[in-house]
Amino acid sequence: PGCLLLQFLSYLGACDRLLKQGYEEGQVEEAMEMFQYSEKKAAEFLRLLAQFNDMGFQQHEIKEVLLLCGNQRERALEELVMK
């Protein structure tokens, strides 16, 4: 039981740090779940999602491509441009 509490507190701390970077709560929770609660991977995903969104790509396409490409920016950008 103590281990679960530590995991939960770690999750809350990671979410809080990502929210303070300006990401939306729903996106933070979704990213944390998609990457098995890895703050590093979720943060990279959110950063790239925002970048590609600013470039005018559709959010649902960005998410799909980032997952397929494992958050690899160049590969994901190529895929998005080809769509």
N, C-alpha and C. Protein backbone atom coordinates (compact mmCIF):
# COMPACT_ATOMS: atom_id res chain seq x y z
N PRO A 1 0.80 -1.20 0.00
CA PRO A 1 0.00 0.00 0.00
C PRO A 1 0.85 1.27 0.00
N GLY A 2 1.96 1.28 0.72
CA GLY A 2 2.83 2.45 0.76
C GLY A 2 3.42 2.75 -0.60
N CYS A 3 3.71 1.69 -1.34
CA CYS A 3 4.29 1.83 -2.68
C CYS A 3 3.31 2.54 -3.62
N LEU A 4 2.04 2.16 -3.52
CA LEU A 4 1.02 2.80 -4.36
C LEU A 4 0.88 4.28 -4.04
N LEU A 5 0.97 4.60 -2.76
CA LEU A 5 0.87 6.00 -2.34
C LEU A 5 2.04 6.80 -2.91
N LEU A 6 3.24 6.24 -2.87
CA LEU A 6 4.41 6.93 -3.43
C LEU A 6 4.26 7.13 -4.93
N GLN A 7 3.75 6.11 -5.62
CA GLN A 7 3.52 6.22 -7.07
C GLN A 7 2.51 7.32 -7.37
N PHE A 8 1.45 7.37 -6.58
CA PHE A 8 0.41 8.37 -6.78
C PHE A 8 0.96 9.77 -6.53
N LEU A 9 1.73 9.93 -5.47
CA LEU A 9 2.32 11.24 -5.16
C LEU A 9 3.30 11.67 -6.26
N SER A 10 4.04 10.71 -6.79
CA SER A 10 4.97 10.98 -7.87
C SER A 10 4.21 11.43 -9.12
N TYR A 11 3.09 10.76 -9.39
CA TYR A 11 2.23 11.12 -10.52
C TYR A 11 1.69 12.54 -10.35
N LEU A 12 1.20 12.85 -9.16
CA LEU A 12 0.66 14.19 -8.90
C LEU A 12 1.74 15.26 -9.07
N GLY A 13 2.93 14.96 -8.59
CA GLY A 13 4.04 15.92 -8.72
C GLY A 13 4.39 16.15 -10.18
N ALA A 14 4.43 15.06 -10.97
CA ALA A 14 4.74 15.17 -12.39
C ALA A 14 3.66 15.99 -13.10
N CYS A 15 2.40 15.71 -12.81
CA CYS A 15 1.30 16.46 -13.42
C CYS A 15 1.40 17.93 -13.06
N ASP A 16 1.68 18.21 -11.81
CA ASP A 16 1.79 19.59 -11.35
C ASP A 16 2.90 20.33 -12.11
N ARG A 17 4.05 19.68 -12.26
CA ARG A 17 5.17 20.32 -12.98
C ARG A 17 4.79 20.60 -14.43
N LEU A 18 4.10 19.65 -15.07
CA LEU A 18 3.70 19.84 -16.47
C LEU A 18 2.63 20.93 -16.60
N LEU A 19 1.72 20.99 -15.64
CA LEU A 19 0.69 22.04 -15.66
C LEU A 19 1.33 23.42 -15.51
N LYS A 20 2.37 23.50 -14.68
CA LYS A 20 3.05 24.78 -14.47
C LYS A 20 3.79 25.24 -15.72
N GLN A 21 4.04 24.30 -16.65
CA GLN A 21 4.68 24.66 -17.92
C GLN A 21 3.66 25.20 -18.92
N GLY A 22 2.38 25.19 -18.51
CA GLY A 22 1.35 25.79 -19.33
C GLY A 22 0.50 24.82 -20.15
N TYR A 23 0.71 23.53 -19.94
CA TYR A 23 -0.10 22.55 -20.68
C TYR A 23 -1.46 22.39 -20.02
N GLU A 24 -2.46 22.02 -20.83
CA GLU A 24 -3.82 21.84 -20.32
C GLU A 24 -3.92 20.56 -19.50
N GLU A 25 -4.76 20.58 -18.49
CA GLU A 25 -4.89 19.45 -17.57
C GLU A 25 -5.26 18.15 -18.29
N GLY A 26 -6.23 18.22 -19.19
CA GLY A 26 -6.64 17.02 -19.91
C GLY A 26 -5.52 16.43 -20.74
N GLN A 27 -4.75 17.30 -21.38
CA GLN A 27 -3.62 16.83 -22.19
C GLN A 27 -2.54 16.22 -21.32
N VAL A 28 -2.29 16.80 -20.17
CA VAL A 28 -1.28 16.28 -19.25
C VAL A 28 -1.67 14.88 -18.79
N GLU A 29 -2.92 14.72 -18.36
CA GLU A 29 -3.39 13.41 -17.88
C GLU A 29 -3.33 12.37 -18.99
N GLU A 30 -3.75 12.76 -20.20
CA GLU A 30 -3.72 11.84 -21.33
C GLU A 30 -2.29 11.42 -21.67
N ALA A 31 -1.38 12.38 -21.70
CA ALA A 31 0.01 12.09 -22.02
C ALA A 31 0.65 11.18 -20.96
N MET A 32 0.35 11.45 -19.70
CA MET A 32 0.90 10.61 -18.63
C MET A 32 0.41 9.17 -18.75
N GLU A 33 -0.85 9.00 -19.09
CA GLU A 33 -1.39 7.65 -19.27
C GLU A 33 -0.78 6.96 -20.48
N MET A 34 -0.66 7.69 -21.59
CA MET A 34 -0.13 7.11 -22.82
C MET A 34 1.30 6.60 -22.64
N PHE A 35 2.06 7.27 -21.80
CA PHE A 35 3.47 6.90 -21.62
C PHE A 35 3.74 6.27 -20.26
N GLN A 36 2.78 5.50 -19.78
CA GLN A 36 2.90 4.76 -18.52
C GLN A 36 3.49 5.62 -17.40
N TYR A 37 3.01 6.85 -17.31
CA TYR A 37 3.35 7.77 -16.23
C TYR A 37 4.82 8.19 -16.23
N SER A 38 5.46 8.14 -17.40
CA SER A 38 6.82 8.65 -17.54
C SER A 38 6.74 10.17 -17.78
N GLU A 39 7.16 10.92 -16.80
CA GLU A 39 7.10 12.38 -16.92
C GLU A 39 7.94 12.87 -18.09
N LYS A 40 9.12 12.27 -18.28
CA LYS A 40 10.01 12.69 -19.35
C LYS A 40 9.37 12.50 -20.72
N LYS A 41 8.80 11.32 -20.96
CA LYS A 41 8.18 11.03 -22.26
C LYS A 41 6.92 11.88 -22.46
N ALA A 42 6.14 12.05 -21.40
CA ALA A 42 4.93 12.86 -21.49
C ALA A 42 5.29 14.32 -21.80
N ALA A 43 6.34 14.83 -21.16
CA ALA A 43 6.76 16.21 -21.38
C ALA A 43 7.22 16.40 -22.83
N GLU A 44 7.96 15.45 -23.36
CA GLU A 44 8.43 15.53 -24.74
C GLU A 44 7.24 15.50 -25.70
N PHE A 45 6.29 14.61 -25.44
CA PHE A 45 5.09 14.50 -26.25
C PHE A 45 4.33 15.83 -26.26
N LEU A 46 4.13 16.42 -25.09
CA LEU A 46 3.39 17.67 -24.99
C LEU A 46 4.12 18.82 -25.68
N ARG A 47 5.44 18.83 -25.57
CA ARG A 47 6.24 19.86 -26.22
C ARG A 47 6.10 19.76 -27.74
N LEU A 48 6.23 18.54 -28.27
CA LEU A 48 6.11 18.34 -29.71
C LEU A 48 4.68 18.60 -30.20
N LEU A 49 3.71 18.19 -29.40
CA LEU A 49 2.30 18.43 -29.74
C LEU A 49 2.06 19.93 -29.92
N ALA A 50 2.57 20.72 -29.00
CA ALA A 50 2.41 22.18 -29.07
C ALA A 50 3.14 22.75 -30.28
N GLN A 51 4.36 22.27 -30.54
CA GLN A 51 5.14 22.75 -31.68
C GLN A 51 4.40 22.49 -33.00
N PHE A 52 3.98 21.24 -33.18
CA PHE A 52 3.31 20.86 -34.43
C PHE A 52 1.94 21.53 -34.55
N ASN A 53 1.30 21.74 -33.44
CA ASN A 53 0.02 22.45 -33.43
C ASN A 53 0.22 23.88 -33.92
N ASP A 54 1.29 24.52 -33.44
CA ASP A 54 1.62 25.88 -33.86
C ASP A 54 1.93 25.95 -35.36
N MET A 55 2.40 24.83 -35.93
CA MET A 55 2.70 24.77 -37.36
C MET A 55 1.44 24.58 -38.20
N GLY A 56 0.30 24.34 -37.53
CA GLY A 56 -0.96 24.24 -38.24
C GLY A 56 -1.47 22.83 -38.49
N PHE A 57 -0.77 21.82 -37.93
CA PHE A 57 -1.23 20.45 -38.10
C PHE A 57 -2.40 20.17 -37.16
N GLN A 58 -3.23 19.20 -37.53
CA GLN A 58 -4.40 18.83 -36.73
C GLN A 58 -3.96 18.01 -35.50
N GLN A 59 -4.55 18.32 -34.36
CA GLN A 59 -4.13 17.70 -33.10
C GLN A 59 -4.27 16.17 -33.11
N HIS A 60 -5.37 15.65 -33.66
CA HIS A 60 -5.55 14.19 -33.66
C HIS A 60 -4.50 13.52 -34.53
N GLU A 61 -4.09 14.16 -35.64
CA GLU A 61 -3.04 13.60 -36.49
C GLU A 61 -1.70 13.65 -35.79
N ILE A 62 -1.44 14.74 -35.09
CA ILE A 62 -0.17 14.89 -34.37
C ILE A 62 -0.03 13.78 -33.33
N LYS A 63 -1.07 13.56 -32.54
CA LYS A 63 -1.02 12.53 -31.50
C LYS A 63 -0.71 11.16 -32.10
N GLU A 64 -1.43 10.84 -33.17
CA GLU A 64 -1.26 9.54 -33.82
C GLU A 64 0.17 9.36 -34.31
N VAL A 65 0.69 10.37 -35.00
CA VAL A 65 2.04 10.30 -35.57
C VAL A 65 3.10 10.24 -34.46
N LEU A 66 2.94 11.03 -33.42
CA LEU A 66 3.93 11.01 -32.33
C LEU A 66 3.98 9.65 -31.66
N LEU A 67 2.82 9.03 -31.48
CA LEU A 67 2.80 7.69 -30.88
C LEU A 67 3.48 6.69 -31.80
N LEU A 68 3.17 6.75 -33.08
CA LEU A 68 3.77 5.82 -34.04
C LEU A 68 5.28 6.00 -34.15
N CYS A 69 5.73 7.23 -34.04
CA CYS A 69 7.15 7.55 -34.21
C CYS A 69 7.92 7.59 -32.89
N GLY A 70 7.24 7.29 -31.80
CA GLY A 70 7.92 7.29 -30.50
C GLY A 70 8.51 8.63 -30.12
N ASN A 71 7.77 9.70 -30.39
CA ASN A 71 8.20 11.07 -30.04
C ASN A 71 9.46 11.51 -30.79
N GLN A 72 9.77 10.88 -31.91
CA GLN A 72 10.95 11.30 -32.69
C GLN A 72 10.53 12.44 -33.60
N ARG A 73 11.01 13.64 -33.28
CA ARG A 73 10.55 14.86 -33.93
C ARG A 73 10.66 14.82 -35.45
N GLU A 74 11.84 14.50 -35.96
CA GLU A 74 12.06 14.56 -37.41
C GLU A 74 11.18 13.57 -38.15
N ARG A 75 11.11 12.35 -37.62
CA ARG A 75 10.28 11.33 -38.25
C ARG A 75 8.81 11.73 -38.22
N ALA A 76 8.37 12.26 -37.09
CA ALA A 76 6.98 12.67 -36.95
C ALA A 76 6.67 13.82 -37.92
N LEU A 77 7.58 14.76 -38.05
CA LEU A 77 7.37 15.88 -38.95
C LEU A 77 7.25 15.40 -40.40
N GLU A 78 8.09 14.46 -40.80
CA GLU A 78 8.01 13.88 -42.14
C GLU A 78 6.64 13.25 -42.37
N GLU A 79 6.19 12.48 -41.40
CA GLU A 79 4.88 11.81 -41.52
C GLU A 79 3.75 12.83 -41.65
N LEU A 80 3.81 13.87 -40.84
CA LEU A 80 2.76 14.89 -40.88
C LEU A 80 2.75 15.63 -42.22
N VAL A 81 3.92 15.92 -42.74
CA VAL A 81 4.01 16.64 -44.01
C VAL A 81 3.47 15.76 -45.15
N MET A 82 3.70 14.45 -45.06
CA MET A 82 3.25 13.54 -46.11
C MET A 82 1.75 13.31 -46.10
N LYS A 83 1.08 13.58 -44.98
CA LYS A 83 -0.37 13.35 -44.89
C LYS A 83 -1.15 14.34 -45.72
